[in-house]
Amino acid sequence: MPVTGLFFFPSPSSREVTSLPDLITRITTTYTASPLPRWTLDHRLFRENNISSTAPLPSDPDKPPTARTTRYLQILTLSHHPNLSHIAITTTHPLPQTRAGTPTSSTLGSEPSGEPASIIAIPAGQQSEEFVQLMISRFGPLWTQRQVLTVGNGQAWEIGDFRVRVGEVRQGGSAQQSRGVVVEVEWEGGEADDWESAEGVIRGFWDALGVKGSRECLVVAGMEDGFAGVRRWAEVLRLRG
């Protein structure tokens, strides 16, 4: 079973190399690459509507309030995983807070909890669209759709035992906004149960490109259950801000 790594360059960014043409040039000049069919992505993100957004204050006045959790439901369809859409529910925790309501760390924003996502697969196409409409029309009081992301015409290559896919991630309807560029590196020579070795191979392949400043996703919780690739996509596409 192949193993993959994801690398995301958010937009806008002042980093050295983030644009789609720059990344394509790096890949095709560094390696001998044979083109593969174009690929697409469709991703929906729903956020749970917390009825009680803050946990009760502890009885000990010296203890900070318990941080609330946030749950997300994500629907992912990839053209190179034909006939399937994946539904993932993930949980995040904000950073611990003082009683004054300020984070205990200088890094702001939510971080993954480390809890494995709950993932199922359903048929793509009509059944997937019916599920989206069900979430919007019937489960609106529980879940709010926060973003729709697409990759419309991504490029892909075969490079030895590797397959590399690159695409621009866009958000919105008719006036779509670019959210960045994503790169998936898939290694056919790896084994899912030997991730430590596979991670080193994928990182070596990526480092040879000389590209800096990406948000990478190589290891996530719960990868042993066969949904490792879906977990990585769920983590990368749950965009902050």
C-alpha atoms as a PDB file:
ATOM      1  CA  MET A   1       0.000   0.000   0.000  1.00  0.00           C
ATOM      2  CA  PRO A   2       1.459   3.411  -0.953  1.00  0.00           C
ATOM      3  CA  VAL A   3       2.188   6.041   1.682  1.00  0.00           C
ATOM      4  CA  THR A   4       1.818   9.780   1.190  1.00  0.00           C
ATOM      5  CA  GLY A   5       2.866  13.149   2.527  1.00  0.00           C
ATOM      6  CA  LEU A   6       1.107  16.485   2.047  1.00  0.00           C
ATOM      7  CA  PHE A   7       2.696  19.921   1.759  1.00  0.00           C
ATOM      8  CA  PHE A   8       0.590  23.089   1.708  1.00  0.00           C
ATOM      9  CA  PHE A   9       1.608  26.650   0.855  1.00  0.00           C
ATOM     10  CA  PRO A  10      -1.048  29.101   2.124  1.00  0.00           C
ATOM     11  CA  SER A  11      -1.927  32.191   0.126  1.00  0.00           C
ATOM     12  CA  PRO A  12      -1.149  35.030   0.360  1.00  0.00           C
ATOM     13  CA  SER A  13       2.405  34.413   1.450  1.00  0.00           C
ATOM     14  CA  SER A  14       5.777  36.120   1.169  1.00  0.00           C
ATOM     15  CA  ARG A  15       7.706  32.862   1.344  1.00  0.00           C
ATOM     16  CA  GLU A  16      10.325  32.071  -1.264  1.00  0.00           C
ATOM     17  CA  VAL A  17       8.374  29.604  -3.423  1.00  0.00           C
ATOM     18  CA  THR A  18       4.613  29.300  -3.149  1.00  0.00           C
ATOM     19  CA  SER A  19       3.114  29.788  -6.596  1.00  0.00           C
ATOM     20  CA  LEU A  20       1.879  26.917  -8.717  1.00  0.00           C
ATOM     21  CA  PRO A  21       4.202  27.666 -11.689  1.00  0.00           C
ATOM     22  CA  ASP A  22       7.230  27.821  -9.375  1.00  0.00           C
ATOM     23  CA  LEU A  23       6.431  24.449  -7.826  1.00  0.00           C
ATOM     24  CA  ILE A  24       5.811  22.825 -11.207  1.00  0.00           C
ATOM     25  CA  THR A  25       9.151  24.146 -12.449  1.00  0.00           C
ATOM     26  CA  ARG A  26      10.965  22.812  -9.387  1.00  0.00           C
ATOM     27  CA  ILE A  27       9.436  19.346  -9.784  1.00  0.00           C
ATOM     28  CA  THR A  28       9.959  18.991 -13.542  1.00  0.00           C
ATOM     29  CA  THR A  29      13.533  20.313 -13.524  1.00  0.00           C
ATOM     30  CA  THR A  30      14.702  18.397 -10.454  1.00  0.00           C
ATOM     31  CA  TYR A  31      13.280  15.026 -11.537  1.00  0.00           C
ATOM     32  CA  THR A  32      12.526  13.164 -14.754  1.00  0.00           C
ATOM     33  CA  ALA A  33       8.737  13.311 -14.586  1.00  0.00           C
ATOM     34  CA  SER A  34       6.196  11.482 -16.766  1.00  0.00           C
ATOM     35  CA  PRO A  35       2.809  13.259 -16.881  1.00  0.00           C
ATOM     36  CA  LEU A  36      -0.239  11.535 -15.397  1.00  0.00           C
ATOM     37  CA  PRO A  37      -3.931  12.410 -15.888  1.00  0.00           C
ATOM     38  CA  ARG A  38      -5.189  15.620 -14.297  1.00  0.00           C
ATOM     39  CA  TRP A  39      -6.831  15.328 -10.891  1.00  0.00           C
ATOM     40  CA  THR A  40      -9.565  17.113  -8.935  1.00  0.00           C
ATOM     41  CA  LEU A  41     -10.579  17.625  -5.319  1.00  0.00           C
ATOM     42  CA  ASP A  42     -13.830  18.659  -3.656  1.00  0.00           C
ATOM     43  CA  HIS A  43     -13.923  19.363   0.088  1.00  0.00           C
ATOM     44  CA  ARG A  44     -16.723  20.570   2.374  1.00  0.00           C
ATOM     45  CA  LEU A  45     -16.105  21.666   5.959  1.00  0.00           C
ATOM     46  CA  PHE A  46     -18.890  21.832   8.552  1.00  0.00           C
ATOM     47  CA  ARG A  47     -18.361  23.095  12.100  1.00  0.00           C
ATOM     48  CA  GLU A  48     -20.440  21.864  15.007  1.00  0.00           C
ATOM     49  CA  ASN A  49     -22.722  24.472  16.580  1.00  0.00           C
ATOM     50  CA  ASN A  50     -21.805  24.264  20.253  1.00  0.00           C
ATOM     51  CA  ILE A  51     -24.877  24.785  22.416  1.00  0.00           C
ATOM     52  CA  SER A  52     -22.635  25.299  25.425  1.00  0.00           C
ATOM     53  CA  SER A  53     -19.515  26.957  24.083  1.00  0.00           C
ATOM     54  CA  THR A  54     -17.643  27.189  27.383  1.00  0.00           C
ATOM     55  CA  ALA A  55     -17.158  24.542  30.025  1.00  0.00           C
ATOM     56  CA  PRO A  56     -18.210  25.432  33.594  1.00  0.00           C
ATOM     57  CA  LEU A  57     -15.655  27.239  35.673  1.00  0.00           C
ATOM     58  CA  PRO A  58     -13.723  25.004  38.080  1.00  0.00           C
ATOM     59  CA  SER A  59     -14.416  25.282  41.786  1.00  0.00           C
ATOM     60  CA  ASP A  60     -10.765  26.115  42.425  1.00  0.00           C
ATOM     61  CA  PRO A  61     -10.371  29.852  41.634  1.00  0.00           C
ATOM     62  CA  ASP A  62      -6.670  29.348  40.870  1.00  0.00           C
ATOM     63  CA  LYS A  63      -7.395  26.935  38.025  1.00  0.00           C
ATOM     64  CA  PRO A  64      -8.042  28.259  34.507  1.00  0.00           C
ATOM     65  CA  PRO A  65     -11.365  27.368  32.871  1.00  0.00           C
ATOM     66  CA  THR A  66     -11.487  24.107  30.974  1.00  0.00           C
ATOM     67  CA  ALA A  67     -10.911  24.626  27.252  1.00  0.00           C
ATOM     68  CA  ARG A  68     -13.841  23.797  25.002  1.00  0.00           C
ATOM     69  CA  THR A  69     -13.515  21.396  22.119  1.00  0.00           C
ATOM     70  CA  THR A  70     -14.591  22.015  18.545  1.00  0.00           C
ATOM     71  CA  ARG A  71     -15.757  19.294  16.184  1.00  0.00           C
ATOM     72  CA  TYR A  72     -15.581  19.447  12.406  1.00  0.00           C
ATOM     73  CA  LEU A  73     -17.242  17.275   9.788  1.00  0.00           C
ATOM     74  CA  GLN A  74     -15.398  17.097   6.489  1.00  0.00           C
ATOM     75  CA  ILE A  75     -16.500  15.572   3.184  1.00  0.00           C
ATOM     76  CA  LEU A  76     -13.624  14.801   0.805  1.00  0.00           C
ATOM     77  CA  THR A  77     -13.755  13.574  -2.792  1.00  0.00           C
ATOM     78  CA  LEU A  78     -10.544  12.950  -4.766  1.00  0.00           C
ATOM     79  CA  SER A  79     -10.542  11.913  -8.421  1.00  0.00           C
ATOM     80  CA  HIS A  80      -7.609   9.530  -7.859  1.00  0.00           C
ATOM     81  CA  HIS A  81      -9.733   7.662  -5.305  1.00  0.00           C
ATOM     82  CA  PRO A  82     -12.530   6.977  -7.795  1.00  0.00           C
ATOM     83  CA  ASN A  83     -16.102   6.183  -6.819  1.00  0.00           C
ATOM     84  CA  LEU A  84     -15.614   7.125  -3.154  1.00  0.00           C
ATOM     85  CA  SER A  85     -16.184  10.142  -0.932  1.00  0.00           C
ATOM     86  CA  HIS A  86     -14.862  10.148   2.626  1.00  0.00           C
ATOM     87  CA  ILE A  87     -16.575  11.681   5.645  1.00  0.00           C
ATOM     88  CA  ALA A  88     -14.346  12.548   8.603  1.00  0.00           C
ATOM     89  CA  ILE A  89     -15.227  13.970  12.018  1.00  0.00           C
ATOM     90  CA  THR A  90     -12.258  15.577  13.767  1.00  0.00           C
ATOM     91  CA  THR A  91     -11.889  17.314  17.127  1.00  0.00           C
ATOM     92  CA  THR A  92      -9.635  20.228  18.068  1.00  0.00           C
ATOM     93  CA  HIS A  93      -8.802  21.887  21.373  1.00  0.00           C
ATOM     94  CA  PRO A  94      -7.807  25.553  21.711  1.00  0.00           C
ATOM     95  CA  LEU A  95      -4.675  26.338  23.658  1.00  0.00           C
ATOM     96  CA  PRO A  96      -5.039  26.430  27.452  1.00  0.00           C
ATOM     97  CA  GLN A  97      -6.297  29.789  28.771  1.00  0.00           C
ATOM     98  CA  THR A  98      -5.649  31.758  31.920  1.00  0.00           C
ATOM     99  CA  ARG A  99      -8.597  32.925  34.003  1.00  0.00           C
ATOM    100  CA  ALA A 100      -8.195  36.298  32.295  1.00  0.00           C
ATOM    101  CA  GLY A 101      -8.988  34.613  28.987  1.00  0.00           C
ATOM    102  CA  THR A 102      -5.539  34.879  27.389  1.00  0.00           C
ATOM    103  CA  PRO A 103      -3.667  31.901  25.899  1.00  0.00           C
ATOM    104  CA  THR A 104      -0.873  30.396  27.970  1.00  0.00           C
ATOM    105  CA  SER A 105       1.232  30.214  24.799  1.00  0.00           C
ATOM    106  CA  SER A 106       2.211  32.971  22.405  1.00  0.00           C
ATOM    107  CA  THR A 107       0.918  30.856  19.506  1.00  0.00           C
ATOM    108  CA  LEU A 108      -2.724  31.668  18.833  1.00  0.00           C
ATOM    109  CA  GLY A 109      -5.384  29.467  17.299  1.00  0.00           C
ATOM    110  CA  SER A 110      -6.663  25.932  17.637  1.00  0.00           C
ATOM    111  CA  GLU A 111      -4.395  22.926  17.475  1.00  0.00           C
ATOM    112  CA  PRO A 112      -5.219  19.291  16.668  1.00  0.00           C
ATOM    113  CA  SER A 113      -6.150  17.272  19.739  1.00  0.00           C
ATOM    114  CA  GLY A 114      -4.286  14.182  18.580  1.00  0.00           C
ATOM    115  CA  GLU A 115      -7.490  12.158  18.711  1.00  0.00           C
ATOM    116  CA  PRO A 116      -7.981   9.957  15.630  1.00  0.00           C
ATOM    117  CA  ALA A 117     -10.673  11.176  13.283  1.00  0.00           C
ATOM    118  CA  SER A 118     -13.769   9.041  12.764  1.00  0.00           C
ATOM    119  CA  ILE A 119     -13.870   8.255   9.034  1.00  0.00           C
ATOM    120  CA  ILE A 120     -16.257   6.393   6.764  1.00  0.00           C
ATOM    121  CA  ALA A 121     -16.431   6.015   2.977  1.00  0.00           C
ATOM    122  CA  ILE A 122     -19.592   6.393   0.895  1.00  0.00           C
ATOM    123  CA  PRO A 123     -20.171   6.193  -2.882  1.00  0.00           C
ATOM    124  CA  ALA A 124     -19.204   9.385  -4.697  1.00  0.00           C
ATOM    125  CA  GLY A 125     -21.576  11.185  -6.997  1.00  0.00           C
ATOM    126  CA  GLN A 126     -25.285  11.274  -6.230  1.00  0.00           C
ATOM    127  CA  GLN A 127     -25.079   9.731  -2.760  1.00  0.00           C
ATOM    128  CA  SER A 128     -22.337  12.131  -1.726  1.00  0.00           C
ATOM    129  CA  GLU A 129     -24.334  15.122  -2.998  1.00  0.00           C
ATOM    130  CA  GLU A 130     -27.433  13.884  -1.188  1.00  0.00           C
ATOM    131  CA  PHE A 131     -25.437  13.701   2.041  1.00  0.00           C
ATOM    132  CA  VAL A 132     -24.260  17.314   1.596  1.00  0.00           C
ATOM    133  CA  GLN A 133     -27.835  18.489   1.028  1.00  0.00           C
ATOM    134  CA  LEU A 134     -28.986  16.516   4.076  1.00  0.00           C
ATOM    135  CA  MET A 135     -26.362  18.254   6.244  1.00  0.00           C
ATOM    136  CA  ILE A 136     -27.458  21.674   4.990  1.00  0.00           C
ATOM    137  CA  SER A 137     -31.245  21.206   5.014  1.00  0.00           C
ATOM    138  CA  ARG A 138     -31.854  18.917   7.988  1.00  0.00           C
ATOM    139  CA  PHE A 139     -28.836  19.258  10.270  1.00  0.00           C
ATOM    140  CA  GLY A 140     -28.317  23.035  10.026  1.00  0.00           C
ATOM    141  CA  PRO A 141     -29.082  23.536  13.745  1.00  0.00           C
ATOM    142  CA  LEU A 142     -26.219  21.146  14.588  1.00  0.00           C
ATOM    143  CA  TRP A 143     -23.650  21.829  11.862  1.00  0.00           C
ATOM    144  CA  THR A 144     -22.802  24.997   9.890  1.00  0.00           C
ATOM    145  CA  GLN A 145     -21.021  24.781   6.555  1.00  0.00           C
ATOM    146  CA  ARG A 146     -17.887  26.921   6.857  1.00  0.00           C
ATOM    147  CA  GLN A 147     -16.045  26.458   3.580  1.00  0.00           C
ATOM    148  CA  VAL A 148     -16.047  24.737   0.205  1.00  0.00           C
ATOM    149  CA  LEU A 149     -12.628  24.030  -1.308  1.00  0.00           C
ATOM    150  CA  THR A 150     -11.784  22.704  -4.752  1.00  0.00           C
ATOM    151  CA  VAL A 151      -8.833  21.781  -6.920  1.00  0.00           C
ATOM    152  CA  GLY A 152     -10.200  21.991 -10.435  1.00  0.00           C
ATOM    153  CA  ASN A 153      -7.409  20.928 -12.762  1.00  0.00           C
ATOM    154  CA  GLY A 154      -4.424  19.675 -10.803  1.00  0.00           C
ATOM    155  CA  GLN A 155      -1.297  18.320 -12.470  1.00  0.00           C
ATOM    156  CA  ALA A 156       0.356  14.998 -11.672  1.00  0.00           C
ATOM    157  CA  TRP A 157       3.522  13.092 -12.583  1.00  0.00           C
ATOM    158  CA  GLU A 158       5.085   9.690 -12.103  1.00  0.00           C
ATOM    159  CA  ILE A 159       8.694   9.853 -10.927  1.00  0.00           C
ATOM    160  CA  GLY A 160      10.095   6.364 -10.400  1.00  0.00           C
ATOM    161  CA  ASP A 161       8.260   4.881  -7.407  1.00  0.00           C
ATOM    162  CA  PHE A 162       6.668   8.263  -6.647  1.00  0.00           C
ATOM    163  CA  ARG A 163       3.505   9.956  -7.811  1.00  0.00           C
ATOM    164  CA  VAL A 164       3.334  13.713  -7.278  1.00  0.00           C
ATOM    165  CA  ARG A 165       0.153  15.795  -7.510  1.00  0.00           C
ATOM    166  CA  VAL A 166       0.068  19.597  -7.442  1.00  0.00           C
ATOM    167  CA  GLY A 167      -2.934  21.885  -7.504  1.00  0.00           C
ATOM    168  CA  GLU A 168      -4.243  25.307  -6.548  1.00  0.00           C
ATOM    169  CA  VAL A 169      -6.767  25.178  -3.700  1.00  0.00           C
ATOM    170  CA  ARG A 170      -9.653  27.583  -4.307  1.00  0.00           C
ATOM    171  CA  GLN A 171     -12.514  28.583  -2.015  1.00  0.00           C
ATOM    172  CA  GLY A 172     -15.961  29.955  -2.755  1.00  0.00           C
ATOM    173  CA  GLY A 173     -18.515  30.023  -5.531  1.00  0.00           C
ATOM    174  CA  SER A 174     -18.348  32.092  -8.727  1.00  0.00           C
ATOM    175  CA  ALA A 175     -15.758  34.564  -7.357  1.00  0.00           C
ATOM    176  CA  GLN A 176     -13.312  31.974  -6.078  1.00  0.00           C
ATOM    177  CA  GLN A 177     -10.449  32.935  -3.810  1.00  0.00           C
ATOM    178  CA  SER A 178      -7.093  31.194  -3.955  1.00  0.00           C
ATOM    179  CA  ARG A 179      -6.201  29.670  -0.584  1.00  0.00           C
ATOM    180  CA  GLY A 180      -2.845  28.276  -1.619  1.00  0.00           C
ATOM    181  CA  VAL A 181      -1.120  25.392  -3.358  1.00  0.00           C
ATOM    182  CA  VAL A 182      -1.079  21.778  -2.188  1.00  0.00           C
ATOM    183  CA  VAL A 183       1.398  19.022  -3.107  1.00  0.00           C
ATOM    184  CA  GLU A 184       0.808  15.328  -2.488  1.00  0.00           C
ATOM    185  CA  VAL A 185       3.846  13.028  -2.628  1.00  0.00           C
ATOM    186  CA  GLU A 186       2.886   9.349  -2.847  1.00  0.00           C
ATOM    187  CA  TRP A 187       5.514   6.622  -2.557  1.00  0.00           C
ATOM    188  CA  GLU A 188       4.592   3.237  -3.990  1.00  0.00           C
ATOM    189  CA  GLY A 189       7.602   1.522  -2.445  1.00  0.00           C
ATOM    190  CA  GLY A 190       6.530   2.055   1.164  1.00  0.00           C
ATOM    191  CA  GLU A 191       4.569   0.021   3.661  1.00  0.00           C
ATOM    192  CA  ALA A 192       1.811   1.555   5.769  1.00  0.00           C
ATOM    193  CA  ASP A 193       3.053  -0.282   8.886  1.00  0.00           C
ATOM    194  CA  ASP A 194       6.616   1.045   8.505  1.00  0.00           C
ATOM    195  CA  TRP A 195       5.818   4.730   8.508  1.00  0.00           C
ATOM    196  CA  GLU A 196       9.063   5.841  10.148  1.00  0.00           C
ATOM    197  CA  SER A 197      11.145   4.594   7.195  1.00  0.00           C
ATOM    198  CA  ALA A 198       8.610   5.817   4.647  1.00  0.00           C
ATOM    199  CA  GLU A 199       8.558   9.273   6.207  1.00  0.00           C
ATOM    200  CA  GLY A 200      12.322   9.545   5.735  1.00  0.00           C
ATOM    201  CA  VAL A 201      12.046   8.609   2.059  1.00  0.00           C
ATOM    202  CA  ILE A 202       9.243  11.088   1.369  1.00  0.00           C
ATOM    203  CA  ARG A 203      11.039  13.842   3.259  1.00  0.00           C
ATOM    204  CA  GLY A 204      14.227  13.159   1.297  1.00  0.00           C
ATOM    205  CA  PHE A 205      12.313  13.372  -1.989  1.00  0.00           C
ATOM    206  CA  TRP A 206      10.743  16.677  -0.897  1.00  0.00           C
ATOM    207  CA  ASP A 207      13.940  18.208   0.472  1.00  0.00           C
ATOM    208  CA  ALA A 208      15.671  17.636  -2.889  1.00  0.00           C
ATOM    209  CA  LEU A 209      13.291  20.201  -4.408  1.00  0.00           C
ATOM    210  CA  GLY A 210      14.719  22.923  -2.167  1.00  0.00           C
ATOM    211  CA  VAL A 211      11.268  24.318  -1.398  1.00  0.00           C
ATOM    212  CA  LYS A 212      10.839  26.004   1.985  1.00  0.00           C
ATOM    213  CA  GLY A 213       7.937  27.329   4.033  1.00  0.00           C
ATOM    214  CA  SER A 214       5.230  24.707   3.551  1.00  0.00           C
ATOM    215  CA  ARG A 215       2.857  23.388   6.175  1.00  0.00           C
ATOM    216  CA  GLU A 216       3.546  19.674   6.059  1.00  0.00           C
ATOM    217  CA  CYS A 217       1.432  16.774   7.188  1.00  0.00           C
ATOM    218  CA  LEU A 218       3.249  13.453   7.367  1.00  0.00           C
ATOM    219  CA  VAL A 219       2.090  11.809  10.593  1.00  0.00           C
ATOM    220  CA  VAL A 220      -1.396  12.067  12.137  1.00  0.00           C
ATOM    221  CA  ALA A 221      -3.127  10.124  14.880  1.00  0.00           C
ATOM    222  CA  GLY A 222      -4.905   6.887  13.986  1.00  0.00           C
ATOM    223  CA  MET A 223      -3.056   6.181  10.740  1.00  0.00           C
ATOM    224  CA  GLU A 224      -3.006   2.451  11.353  1.00  0.00           C
ATOM    225  CA  ASP A 225      -6.669   1.953  10.437  1.00  0.00           C
ATOM    226  CA  GLY A 226      -6.223   2.324   6.668  1.00  0.00           C
ATOM    227  CA  PHE A 227      -7.440   5.926   6.345  1.00  0.00           C
ATOM    228  CA  ALA A 228      -4.030   7.571   6.717  1.00  0.00           C
ATOM    229  CA  GLY A 229      -4.248   9.544   3.473  1.00  0.00           C
ATOM    230  CA  VAL A 230      -7.731  10.826   4.292  1.00  0.00           C
ATOM    231  CA  ARG A 231      -6.543  11.906   7.758  1.00  0.00           C
ATOM    232  CA  ARG A 232      -3.752  13.963   6.226  1.00  0.00           C
ATOM    233  CA  TRP A 233      -6.114  15.697   3.816  1.00  0.00           C
ATOM    234  CA  ALA A 234      -8.571  16.402   6.646  1.00  0.00           C
ATOM    235  CA  GLU A 235      -5.824  18.031   8.687  1.00  0.00           C
ATOM    236  CA  VAL A 236      -4.425  20.144   5.833  1.00  0.00           C
ATOM    237  CA  LEU A 237      -7.789  21.329   4.510  1.00  0.00           C
ATOM    238  CA  ARG A 238      -9.175  22.430   7.872  1.00  0.00           C
ATOM    239  CA  LEU A 239      -7.791  25.881   7.111  1.00  0.00           C
ATOM    240  CA  ARG A 240      -7.329  28.449   9.867  1.00  0.00           C
ATOM    241  CA  GLY A 241      -8.535  31.947   9.276  1.00  0.00           C
END
